[in-house]
Amino acid sequence: MCLIAWSWQPAAQCPLLLAANRDEWLRRPSQPMHWWPGDDPAEPLLAGRDLEGGGTWLGLSRDGRLAALTNVREPADSQAARPSRGQLVARFLQRRHPLHEGQRWCYDGVARWAAELQRGMQRYAGFNLLLADLRRREMLWVSNRAGATTVAAGVHGLSNAALDTPWPKVLKLQRGLAGCADDAGDSPARGDFAALLDHLSDPTPASDAEIAAQAESLPLSQSWRRGLSAAFIRLPDYGTRCSTLVRASADGRMQVLEVQQQPAAGRRQFQWNWRA
């Protein structure tokens, strides 16, 4: 389970404001957000790292590209030998071919990279992949279970179903982010992510009626369904591992904050100019 909401306004003072939670088993080894050297030390990527699969769930490049991944909920899929979906995020940010390991890619925008990905993405377990290029003013959502589409300007949300599926916690985070996006538009240099962190840290579950409506797609106990319905998840051995906030300004200022939540606490903040 993961949760992302964002405001995409490519022609505005604040073209991108994004808030995301990574939910994962607490025992799965990972590193907090840091700059990876990548294949080319001149083009590092900023991301946390999944030490089991080798990829990542959300990352950025210095030149204003972003990729974020969520899994598609598929309780019946038990194929353990599939390749790591997190590798797709790293490959996009490193300008590598989306399907062929180690192959360099003549990057020519989000749409072409995504089109190449669609040639063989069924080898992966179900995923959603959000791809953005601030310089080109491009954003796409790609799923190997629900197709691909250009993301229109506005506020959007994504969890473990298709883009803008109206799950209660998705809608709730979208509403909260919309108010913060209005503030960011008035003051794009403001570095205070406190309000967004409050929304990401909300442990309030959905109502019993809303949980019952999703019960068929989530064959778990009622206590687990209730726990997973919240923006912030805290369950035995599983929960929200970290929260990530991204604000990109049209003048080139990029602000990124990652807050480690479980099993250990921590905080990392990064700033640079994506137009430089």
C-alpha atoms as a PDB file:
ATOM      1  CA  MET A   1       0.000   0.000   0.000  1.00  0.00           C
ATOM      2  CA  CYS A   2       1.201   3.499  -0.864  1.00  0.00           C
ATOM      3  CA  LEU A   3      -0.430   6.878  -1.220  1.00  0.00           C
ATOM      4  CA  ILE A   4       0.389   9.903  -3.414  1.00  0.00           C
ATOM      5  CA  ALA A   5      -1.411  13.174  -4.090  1.00  0.00           C
ATOM      6  CA  TRP A   6      -0.095  16.043  -6.152  1.00  0.00           C
ATOM      7  CA  SER A   7      -0.949  19.345  -7.797  1.00  0.00           C
ATOM      8  CA  TRP A   8       0.271  19.592 -11.393  1.00  0.00           C
ATOM      9  CA  GLN A   9       0.101  23.136 -12.744  1.00  0.00           C
ATOM     10  CA  PRO A  10       2.839  23.281 -15.425  1.00  0.00           C
ATOM     11  CA  ALA A  11       2.235  26.952 -16.304  1.00  0.00           C
ATOM     12  CA  ALA A  12       1.944  28.231 -12.708  1.00  0.00           C
ATOM     13  CA  GLN A  13       4.449  29.627 -10.200  1.00  0.00           C
ATOM     14  CA  CYS A  14       4.416  26.271  -8.421  1.00  0.00           C
ATOM     15  CA  PRO A  15       4.137  23.661 -11.185  1.00  0.00           C
ATOM     16  CA  LEU A  16       4.412  20.691  -8.835  1.00  0.00           C
ATOM     17  CA  LEU A  17       3.484  20.057  -5.220  1.00  0.00           C
ATOM     18  CA  LEU A  18       3.490  16.402  -4.175  1.00  0.00           C
ATOM     19  CA  ALA A  19       2.912  14.465  -0.957  1.00  0.00           C
ATOM     20  CA  ALA A  20       3.501  10.716  -0.658  1.00  0.00           C
ATOM     21  CA  ASN A  21       3.589   7.900   1.877  1.00  0.00           C
ATOM     22  CA  ARG A  22       5.554   4.711   1.352  1.00  0.00           C
ATOM     23  CA  ASP A  23       3.905   1.740   3.063  1.00  0.00           C
ATOM     24  CA  GLU A  24       5.911  -1.459   3.372  1.00  0.00           C
ATOM     25  CA  TRP A  25       6.844  -4.354   5.636  1.00  0.00           C
ATOM     26  CA  LEU A  26       8.982  -2.958   8.438  1.00  0.00           C
ATOM     27  CA  ARG A  27      11.519  -5.742   8.093  1.00  0.00           C
ATOM     28  CA  ARG A  28      12.241  -5.007   4.405  1.00  0.00           C
ATOM     29  CA  PRO A  29      15.707  -3.430   4.298  1.00  0.00           C
ATOM     30  CA  SER A  30      15.994   0.024   2.765  1.00  0.00           C
ATOM     31  CA  GLN A  31      18.063   3.206   2.853  1.00  0.00           C
ATOM     32  CA  PRO A  32      16.655   6.701   3.405  1.00  0.00           C
ATOM     33  CA  MET A  33      16.676   9.304   0.662  1.00  0.00           C
ATOM     34  CA  HIS A  34      20.136  10.194  -0.621  1.00  0.00           C
ATOM     35  CA  TRP A  35      21.934  11.057  -3.848  1.00  0.00           C
ATOM     36  CA  TRP A  36      22.876   7.949  -5.822  1.00  0.00           C
ATOM     37  CA  PRO A  37      25.840   8.250  -8.184  1.00  0.00           C
ATOM     38  CA  GLY A  38      24.049   6.122 -10.772  1.00  0.00           C
ATOM     39  CA  ASP A  39      25.685   4.972 -14.001  1.00  0.00           C
ATOM     40  CA  ASP A  40      26.911   8.498 -14.701  1.00  0.00           C
ATOM     41  CA  PRO A  41      28.260  10.420 -11.656  1.00  0.00           C
ATOM     42  CA  ALA A  42      27.394  13.657 -13.476  1.00  0.00           C
ATOM     43  CA  GLU A  43      23.692  12.676 -13.394  1.00  0.00           C
ATOM     44  CA  PRO A  44      22.895  11.446  -9.863  1.00  0.00           C
ATOM     45  CA  LEU A  45      19.389  10.658  -8.701  1.00  0.00           C
ATOM     46  CA  LEU A  46      17.811  11.492  -5.356  1.00  0.00           C
ATOM     47  CA  ALA A  47      15.811   8.661  -3.809  1.00  0.00           C
ATOM     48  CA  GLY A  48      15.530   6.175  -1.028  1.00  0.00           C
ATOM     49  CA  ARG A  49      16.665   2.684  -1.898  1.00  0.00           C
ATOM     50  CA  ASP A  50      15.037  -0.716  -1.531  1.00  0.00           C
ATOM     51  CA  LEU A  51      17.934  -2.985  -0.598  1.00  0.00           C
ATOM     52  CA  GLU A  52      15.959  -6.121  -1.391  1.00  0.00           C
ATOM     53  CA  GLY A  53      14.894  -5.277  -4.945  1.00  0.00           C
ATOM     54  CA  GLY A  54      17.574  -2.696  -5.703  1.00  0.00           C
ATOM     55  CA  GLY A  55      15.173  -0.024  -6.935  1.00  0.00           C
ATOM     56  CA  THR A  56      13.177   2.766  -5.346  1.00  0.00           C
ATOM     57  CA  TRP A  57       9.615   3.983  -4.893  1.00  0.00           C
ATOM     58  CA  LEU A  58      10.079   7.717  -5.548  1.00  0.00           C
ATOM     59  CA  GLY A  59      12.977   9.750  -6.879  1.00  0.00           C
ATOM     60  CA  LEU A  60      14.099  12.897  -8.659  1.00  0.00           C
ATOM     61  CA  SER A  61      16.899  14.015 -10.949  1.00  0.00           C
ATOM     62  CA  ARG A  62      18.769  17.312 -10.738  1.00  0.00           C
ATOM     63  CA  ASP A  63      17.227  18.490 -14.018  1.00  0.00           C
ATOM     64  CA  GLY A  64      13.617  18.303 -12.813  1.00  0.00           C
ATOM     65  CA  ARG A  65      12.464  14.788 -13.643  1.00  0.00           C
ATOM     66  CA  LEU A  66      10.419  12.790 -11.133  1.00  0.00           C
ATOM     67  CA  ALA A  67       9.190   9.209 -10.986  1.00  0.00           C
ATOM     68  CA  ALA A  68       7.005   7.547  -8.368  1.00  0.00           C
ATOM     69  CA  LEU A  69       5.670   4.008  -8.113  1.00  0.00           C
ATOM     70  CA  THR A  70       2.754   2.268  -6.427  1.00  0.00           C
ATOM     71  CA  ASN A  71       1.791  -1.384  -6.657  1.00  0.00           C
ATOM     72  CA  VAL A  72      -1.584  -2.422  -8.034  1.00  0.00           C
ATOM     73  CA  ARG A  73      -3.626  -4.402  -5.540  1.00  0.00           C
ATOM     74  CA  GLU A  74      -3.710  -8.004  -6.811  1.00  0.00           C
ATOM     75  CA  PRO A  75      -4.332 -10.486  -3.987  1.00  0.00           C
ATOM     76  CA  ALA A  76      -4.337 -13.485  -6.357  1.00  0.00           C
ATOM     77  CA  ASP A  77      -0.958 -12.736  -7.993  1.00  0.00           C
ATOM     78  CA  SER A  78       1.622 -15.045  -6.438  1.00  0.00           C
ATOM     79  CA  GLN A  79       4.381 -14.993  -9.081  1.00  0.00           C
ATOM     80  CA  ALA A  80       7.452 -14.350  -6.945  1.00  0.00           C
ATOM     81  CA  ALA A  81       9.975 -14.472  -9.804  1.00  0.00           C
ATOM     82  CA  ARG A  82       8.909 -11.210 -11.462  1.00  0.00           C
ATOM     83  CA  PRO A  83      11.509  -8.430 -11.819  1.00  0.00           C
ATOM     84  CA  SER A  84      11.543  -5.545  -9.349  1.00  0.00           C
ATOM     85  CA  ARG A  85       9.122  -2.766 -10.234  1.00  0.00           C
ATOM     86  CA  GLY A  86      11.250  -0.277  -8.301  1.00  0.00           C
ATOM     87  CA  GLN A  87      13.949  -0.631 -10.956  1.00  0.00           C
ATOM     88  CA  LEU A  88      11.692   1.261 -13.378  1.00  0.00           C
ATOM     89  CA  VAL A  89      11.911   4.436 -11.298  1.00  0.00           C
ATOM     90  CA  ALA A  90      15.707   4.281 -11.218  1.00  0.00           C
ATOM     91  CA  ARG A  91      15.948   3.546 -14.942  1.00  0.00           C
ATOM     92  CA  PHE A  92      13.835   6.550 -15.875  1.00  0.00           C
ATOM     93  CA  LEU A  93      15.875   8.898 -13.683  1.00  0.00           C
ATOM     94  CA  GLN A  94      19.161   7.468 -14.988  1.00  0.00           C
ATOM     95  CA  ARG A  95      18.025   7.804 -18.641  1.00  0.00           C
ATOM     96  CA  ARG A  96      18.302   4.050 -19.104  1.00  0.00           C
ATOM     97  CA  HIS A  97      16.139   1.856 -21.295  1.00  0.00           C
ATOM     98  CA  PRO A  98      12.974   0.906 -19.353  1.00  0.00           C
ATOM     99  CA  LEU A  99      13.167  -2.825 -20.100  1.00  0.00           C
ATOM    100  CA  HIS A 100      16.752  -3.792 -20.902  1.00  0.00           C
ATOM    101  CA  GLU A 101      19.158  -3.940 -17.987  1.00  0.00           C
ATOM    102  CA  GLY A 102      22.153  -1.647 -18.286  1.00  0.00           C
ATOM    103  CA  GLN A 103      21.262  -0.245 -21.713  1.00  0.00           C
ATOM    104  CA  ARG A 104      21.716   3.508 -22.062  1.00  0.00           C
ATOM    105  CA  TRP A 105      18.811   5.373 -23.550  1.00  0.00           C
ATOM    106  CA  CYS A 106      18.699   8.424 -25.772  1.00  0.00           C
ATOM    107  CA  TYR A 107      16.116  10.175 -23.598  1.00  0.00           C
ATOM    108  CA  ASP A 108      13.637  12.193 -25.666  1.00  0.00           C
ATOM    109  CA  GLY A 109      10.877  12.953 -23.221  1.00  0.00           C
ATOM    110  CA  VAL A 110       8.436  11.133 -20.987  1.00  0.00           C
ATOM    111  CA  ALA A 111       6.072   9.974 -23.743  1.00  0.00           C
ATOM    112  CA  ARG A 112       8.743   8.136 -25.728  1.00  0.00           C
ATOM    113  CA  TRP A 113      10.202   6.445 -22.633  1.00  0.00           C
ATOM    114  CA  ALA A 114       6.718   5.342 -21.545  1.00  0.00           C
ATOM    115  CA  ALA A 115       5.906   4.050 -25.031  1.00  0.00           C
ATOM    116  CA  GLU A 116       9.020   1.887 -24.958  1.00  0.00           C
ATOM    117  CA  LEU A 117       8.078   0.609 -21.505  1.00  0.00           C
ATOM    118  CA  GLN A 118       4.677  -0.523 -22.755  1.00  0.00           C
ATOM    119  CA  ARG A 119       6.321  -2.983 -25.168  1.00  0.00           C
ATOM    120  CA  GLY A 120       7.157  -5.365 -22.348  1.00  0.00           C
ATOM    121  CA  MET A 121       5.742  -4.160 -19.063  1.00  0.00           C
ATOM    122  CA  GLN A 122       3.479  -7.202 -18.586  1.00  0.00           C
ATOM    123  CA  ARG A 123       6.500  -9.088 -17.252  1.00  0.00           C
ATOM    124  CA  TYR A 124       6.112  -7.062 -14.043  1.00  0.00           C
ATOM    125  CA  ALA A 125       3.545  -7.480 -11.300  1.00  0.00           C
ATOM    126  CA  GLY A 126       0.861  -4.808 -11.372  1.00  0.00           C
ATOM    127  CA  PHE A 127       2.103  -1.248 -11.002  1.00  0.00           C
ATOM    128  CA  ASN A 128       1.311   2.431 -11.402  1.00  0.00           C
ATOM    129  CA  LEU A 129       4.157   4.670 -12.536  1.00  0.00           C
ATOM    130  CA  LEU A 130       3.990   8.455 -12.388  1.00  0.00           C
ATOM    131  CA  LEU A 131       6.537  10.162 -14.660  1.00  0.00           C
ATOM    132  CA  ALA A 132       7.175  13.908 -14.876  1.00  0.00           C
ATOM    133  CA  ASP A 133       9.604  16.209 -16.680  1.00  0.00           C
ATOM    134  CA  LEU A 134       9.364  19.796 -15.460  1.00  0.00           C
ATOM    135  CA  ARG A 135      11.529  21.220 -18.248  1.00  0.00           C
ATOM    136  CA  ARG A 136       9.292  19.722 -20.910  1.00  0.00           C
ATOM    137  CA  ARG A 137       6.103  20.314 -18.902  1.00  0.00           C
ATOM    138  CA  GLU A 138       5.185  16.649 -19.327  1.00  0.00           C
ATOM    139  CA  MET A 139       3.522  14.257 -16.905  1.00  0.00           C
ATOM    140  CA  LEU A 140       2.214  10.749 -17.619  1.00  0.00           C
ATOM    141  CA  TRP A 141       0.637   7.979 -15.618  1.00  0.00           C
ATOM    142  CA  VAL A 142       1.459   4.490 -16.867  1.00  0.00           C
ATOM    143  CA  SER A 143      -0.008   1.232 -15.572  1.00  0.00           C
ATOM    144  CA  ASN A 144       0.439  -2.308 -16.824  1.00  0.00           C
ATOM    145  CA  ARG A 145      -3.072  -3.020 -15.609  1.00  0.00           C
ATOM    146  CA  ALA A 146      -4.994   0.067 -16.737  1.00  0.00           C
ATOM    147  CA  GLY A 147      -3.133   1.695 -19.656  1.00  0.00           C
ATOM    148  CA  ALA A 148      -1.502   5.108 -19.831  1.00  0.00           C
ATOM    149  CA  THR A 149      -2.616   8.709 -20.023  1.00  0.00           C
ATOM    150  CA  THR A 150      -1.248  12.236 -20.013  1.00  0.00           C
ATOM    151  CA  VAL A 151      -1.944  13.796 -16.614  1.00  0.00           C
ATOM    152  CA  ALA A 152      -4.016  16.942 -16.991  1.00  0.00           C
ATOM    153  CA  ALA A 153      -3.370  20.058 -14.937  1.00  0.00           C
ATOM    154  CA  GLY A 154      -5.043  19.846 -11.541  1.00  0.00           C
ATOM    155  CA  VAL A 155      -4.971  17.908  -8.281  1.00  0.00           C
ATOM    156  CA  HIS A 156      -4.685  14.133  -8.573  1.00  0.00           C
ATOM    157  CA  GLY A 157      -4.368  11.112  -6.320  1.00  0.00           C
ATOM    158  CA  LEU A 158      -3.031   7.591  -6.584  1.00  0.00           C
ATOM    159  CA  SER A 159      -2.870   4.565  -4.327  1.00  0.00           C
ATOM    160  CA  ASN A 160      -3.047   0.888  -5.305  1.00  0.00           C
ATOM    161  CA  ALA A 161      -5.659   1.196  -8.032  1.00  0.00           C
ATOM    162  CA  ALA A 162      -5.949   3.353 -11.155  1.00  0.00           C
ATOM    163  CA  LEU A 163      -5.236   7.080 -11.300  1.00  0.00           C
ATOM    164  CA  ASP A 164      -7.789   9.140  -9.320  1.00  0.00           C
ATOM    165  CA  THR A 165      -9.673   6.082  -8.045  1.00  0.00           C
ATOM    166  CA  PRO A 166     -11.869   7.647  -5.335  1.00  0.00           C
ATOM    167  CA  TRP A 167     -10.715   5.676  -2.305  1.00  0.00           C
ATOM    168  CA  PRO A 168     -11.528   7.605   0.896  1.00  0.00           C
ATOM    169  CA  LYS A 169      -7.909   8.241   1.907  1.00  0.00           C
ATOM    170  CA  VAL A 170      -7.012   9.339  -1.630  1.00  0.00           C
ATOM    171  CA  LEU A 171      -9.849  11.850  -1.729  1.00  0.00           C
ATOM    172  CA  LYS A 172      -9.014  13.107   1.753  1.00  0.00           C
ATOM    173  CA  LEU A 173      -5.361  13.700   0.902  1.00  0.00           C
ATOM    174  CA  GLN A 174      -6.314  15.375  -2.384  1.00  0.00           C
ATOM    175  CA  ARG A 175      -8.535  17.841  -0.539  1.00  0.00           C
ATOM    176  CA  GLY A 176      -5.813  18.614   1.970  1.00  0.00           C
ATOM    177  CA  LEU A 177      -3.184  19.066  -0.705  1.00  0.00           C
ATOM    178  CA  ALA A 178      -5.435  21.326  -2.775  1.00  0.00           C
ATOM    179  CA  GLY A 179      -5.485  23.879   0.061  1.00  0.00           C
ATOM    180  CA  CYS A 180      -1.713  23.695   0.444  1.00  0.00           C
ATOM    181  CA  ALA A 181      -1.274  24.109  -3.313  1.00  0.00           C
ATOM    182  CA  ASP A 182      -3.209  27.368  -3.154  1.00  0.00           C
ATOM    183  CA  ASP A 183      -0.811  28.596  -0.462  1.00  0.00           C
ATOM    184  CA  ALA A 184       2.207  27.440  -2.477  1.00  0.00           C
ATOM    185  CA  GLY A 185       0.984  29.378  -5.480  1.00  0.00           C
ATOM    186  CA  ASP A 186       0.892  32.572  -3.427  1.00  0.00           C
ATOM    187  CA  SER A 187       4.298  31.935  -1.848  1.00  0.00           C
ATOM    188  CA  PRO A 188       6.272  29.368  -3.868  1.00  0.00           C
ATOM    189  CA  ALA A 189       9.447  29.819  -1.798  1.00  0.00           C
ATOM    190  CA  ARG A 190       7.742  28.795   1.453  1.00  0.00           C
ATOM    191  CA  GLY A 191       9.555  25.767   2.818  1.00  0.00           C
ATOM    192  CA  ASP A 192       7.126  24.799   5.564  1.00  0.00           C
ATOM    193  CA  PHE A 193       5.676  21.351   4.820  1.00  0.00           C
ATOM    194  CA  ALA A 194       3.999  21.073   8.207  1.00  0.00           C
ATOM    195  CA  ALA A 195       0.404  21.113   6.935  1.00  0.00           C
ATOM    196  CA  LEU A 196       1.086  18.427   4.342  1.00  0.00           C
ATOM    197  CA  LEU A 197       2.842  16.263   6.911  1.00  0.00           C
ATOM    198  CA  ASP A 198      -0.227  16.501   9.113  1.00  0.00           C
ATOM    199  CA  HIS A 199      -2.351  15.104   6.288  1.00  0.00           C
ATOM    200  CA  LEU A 200       0.121  12.293   5.575  1.00  0.00           C
ATOM    201  CA  SER A 201       0.314  11.435   9.291  1.00  0.00           C
ATOM    202  CA  ASP A 202      -3.454  11.087   9.727  1.00  0.00           C
ATOM    203  CA  PRO A 203      -4.202   7.644  11.264  1.00  0.00           C
ATOM    204  CA  THR A 204      -7.994   8.018  10.957  1.00  0.00           C
ATOM    205  CA  PRO A 205      -9.493   4.987   9.176  1.00  0.00           C
ATOM    206  CA  ALA A 206     -12.306   5.103   6.666  1.00  0.00           C
ATOM    207  CA  SER A 207     -15.859   4.480   7.868  1.00  0.00           C
ATOM    208  CA  ASP A 208     -17.067   0.906   8.265  1.00  0.00           C
ATOM    209  CA  ALA A 209     -19.332   1.356   5.220  1.00  0.00           C
ATOM    210  CA  GLU A 210     -16.437   2.572   3.077  1.00  0.00           C
ATOM    211  CA  ILE A 211     -14.236  -0.277   4.262  1.00  0.00           C
ATOM    212  CA  ALA A 212     -16.981  -2.812   3.492  1.00  0.00           C
ATOM    213  CA  ALA A 213     -17.241  -1.476  -0.059  1.00  0.00           C
ATOM    214  CA  GLN A 214     -13.580  -2.409  -0.646  1.00  0.00           C
ATOM    215  CA  ALA A 215     -13.666  -5.737   1.228  1.00  0.00           C
ATOM    216  CA  GLU A 216     -13.939  -7.865  -1.928  1.00  0.00           C
ATOM    217  CA  SER A 217     -10.692  -6.458  -3.357  1.00  0.00           C
ATOM    218  CA  LEU A 218      -8.861  -6.832  -0.041  1.00  0.00           C
ATOM    219  CA  PRO A 219      -9.449 -10.309   1.456  1.00  0.00           C
ATOM    220  CA  LEU A 220      -7.986  -9.585   4.884  1.00  0.00           C
ATOM    221  CA  SER A 221      -9.253  -9.364   8.417  1.00  0.00           C
ATOM    222  CA  GLN A 222     -11.391  -6.376   9.367  1.00  0.00           C
ATOM    223  CA  SER A 223      -8.622  -4.973  11.580  1.00  0.00           C
ATOM    224  CA  TRP A 224      -6.165  -5.003   8.665  1.00  0.00           C
ATOM    225  CA  ARG A 225      -8.684  -3.487   6.261  1.00  0.00           C
ATOM    226  CA  ARG A 226      -9.348  -0.735   8.786  1.00  0.00           C
ATOM    227  CA  GLY A 227      -5.646  -0.074   9.289  1.00  0.00           C
ATOM    228  CA  LEU A 228      -4.908   0.036   5.557  1.00  0.00           C
ATOM    229  CA  SER A 229      -7.728   2.505   4.932  1.00  0.00           C
ATOM    230  CA  ALA A 230      -5.886   5.294   6.791  1.00  0.00           C
ATOM    231  CA  ALA A 231      -3.360   7.644   5.230  1.00  0.00           C
ATOM    232  CA  PHE A 232      -0.861   6.705   7.941  1.00  0.00           C
ATOM    233  CA  ILE A 233      -0.685   2.957   8.531  1.00  0.00           C
ATOM    234  CA  ARG A 234       0.528   1.315  11.724  1.00  0.00           C
ATOM    235  CA  LEU A 235      -0.072  -2.451  11.785  1.00  0.00           C
ATOM    236  CA  PRO A 236       1.918  -5.400  13.173  1.00  0.00           C
ATOM    237  CA  ASP A 237       5.180  -5.553  11.178  1.00  0.00           C
ATOM    238  CA  TYR A 238       3.751  -3.293   8.450  1.00  0.00           C
ATOM    239  CA  GLY A 239       3.096   0.415   8.056  1.00  0.00           C
ATOM    240  CA  THR A 240       4.034   3.795   6.689  1.00  0.00           C
ATOM    241  CA  ARG A 241       7.814   3.725   6.438  1.00  0.00           C
ATOM    242  CA  CYS A 242       8.382   7.306   5.256  1.00  0.00           C
ATOM    243  CA  SER A 243       6.641  10.449   4.037  1.00  0.00           C
ATOM    244  CA  THR A 244       8.014  12.495   1.139  1.00  0.00           C
ATOM    245  CA  LEU A 245       7.148  16.051   0.142  1.00  0.00           C
ATOM    246  CA  VAL A 246       8.201  17.790  -3.062  1.00  0.00           C
ATOM    247  CA  ARG A 247       7.721  21.394  -4.134  1.00  0.00           C
ATOM    248  CA  ALA A 248       9.060  22.634  -7.482  1.00  0.00           C
ATOM    249  CA  SER A 249       8.888  26.323  -8.367  1.00  0.00           C
ATOM    250  CA  ALA A 250       8.872  27.727 -11.877  1.00  0.00           C
ATOM    251  CA  ASP A 251      12.009  29.756 -11.141  1.00  0.00           C
ATOM    252  CA  GLY A 252      13.921  26.501 -10.567  1.00  0.00           C
ATOM    253  CA  ARG A 253      13.765  26.055  -6.804  1.00  0.00           C
ATOM    254  CA  MET A 254      13.281  22.452  -5.752  1.00  0.00           C
ATOM    255  CA  GLN A 255      12.508  21.552  -2.134  1.00  0.00           C
ATOM    256  CA  VAL A 256      12.319  17.936  -0.998  1.00  0.00           C
ATOM    257  CA  LEU A 257      11.690  16.618   2.499  1.00  0.00           C
ATOM    258  CA  GLU A 258      11.694  12.985   3.561  1.00  0.00           C
ATOM    259  CA  VAL A 259      10.534  12.054   7.055  1.00  0.00           C
ATOM    260  CA  GLN A 260      11.369   8.541   8.191  1.00  0.00           C
ATOM    261  CA  GLN A 261       8.477   7.186  10.268  1.00  0.00           C
ATOM    262  CA  GLN A 262       8.929   3.477  11.077  1.00  0.00           C
ATOM    263  CA  PRO A 263      10.800   1.463  12.328  1.00  0.00           C
ATOM    264  CA  ALA A 264      13.215   4.368  12.967  1.00  0.00           C
ATOM    265  CA  ALA A 265      12.652   8.114  12.863  1.00  0.00           C
ATOM    266  CA  GLY A 266      14.650  10.598  10.829  1.00  0.00           C
ATOM    267  CA  ARG A 267      14.420  13.660   8.644  1.00  0.00           C
ATOM    268  CA  ARG A 268      16.287  14.650   5.472  1.00  0.00           C
ATOM    269  CA  GLN A 269      15.864  17.832   3.458  1.00  0.00           C
ATOM    270  CA  PHE A 270      17.270  18.756   0.049  1.00  0.00           C
ATOM    271  CA  GLN A 271      17.244  21.925  -2.052  1.00  0.00           C
ATOM    272  CA  TRP A 272      18.676  22.722  -5.463  1.00  0.00           C
ATOM    273  CA  ASN A 273      17.878  24.542  -8.711  1.00  0.00           C
ATOM    274  CA  TRP A 274      16.455  22.192 -11.329  1.00  0.00           C
ATOM    275  CA  ARG A 275      16.937  24.783 -14.062  1.00  0.00           C
ATOM    276  CA  ALA A 276      20.673  25.248 -13.383  1.00  0.00           C
END
